[in-house]
Amino acid sequence: MKYLRTFIPFCASLAALYGCAGLDGQKKLDDLNSRVATLDSSIDRTNAKIEDLDNKILLLNEKIEALKHGGAAQVQNARPLPPEGLKVVSLGQDGGSNGGQPVKNAPPAPDAAGSAAPDDRPEDMYKRAHELFNDGRYGEARAAFSKFLRSYPSSKLSNNARYWIGESYYSEGAFDKALPLFEEVAIKFPDDNKAPDCLLKAGMSYLEMSNNGKAKDTLERLLRQYPGSEAAEKAKKTLDRMSTE
């Protein structure tokens, strides 16, 4: 009986000790979960910044290409200047071939730069649409890219314009509207330079719409068709992340 009276307080103390240990362990677990949630949020913000930076790099590369084409066109269309001191006489003056009458069917006069008006050049239209996108004016950028497509449907930049219309919807969170544009370029124009990026964004659009099966199929297709592309590297990282969730 004496030992029983000693043992009971001991058991009570032991139970209290384990209870404190349990509470302390739960507190640590809650703290760990909170840190993981904070880390996930930080990773999401970092990924968003990386994606925004990728978009800006793509825009910069396309601007460089557009400037190259625009510069070549200006050189091709530029009129050579006459030798210094040589008087330039218009046709029809001083014994010209048509006796002073205006030349019929003459082409319209170029602007001061020696080429067509800026509004008529596809590179300038495309560049202005890009600038609107960069400024976050997505609705205006869509309108500008759409105007470009109507004016120059056969331009080598037409699929790029379709891609950026899709990007404008994607940036606004309208993934259901962005998806058809990405898929159109990827399916109809598999050899286009934007096809890998379109497949990547199509997969990401499916993922954002919680269609993980379609997202996985699309990203795996990207890896098969364009294994060496930058888009494929991003697709692989996304697939790896999906497999651990």
Foldseek 3Di string as FASTA:
>chain_A
DVVVVVVVVVVVVVVVVVVVVVVVVVVVVVVVVVVVVVVVVVVVVVVVVVVLVVVVVVLVVVLVVLVVVVVVVLVVQADDDDPPPDDDDDALPPPHDPPNDDDPPDDDADPPSRHHDLVLDLSSLLNVLSVCVVVLVLVVSLVSLVVSCVNCVPDLCNLVSLLSNLVSCVVVVVLVVSQVSLVCCLPVPVPRPCNLVSLLSNLVSCVSVVNNVVSLVSLVVSCVSPVPDPSNVVSVVVVVVVVVD
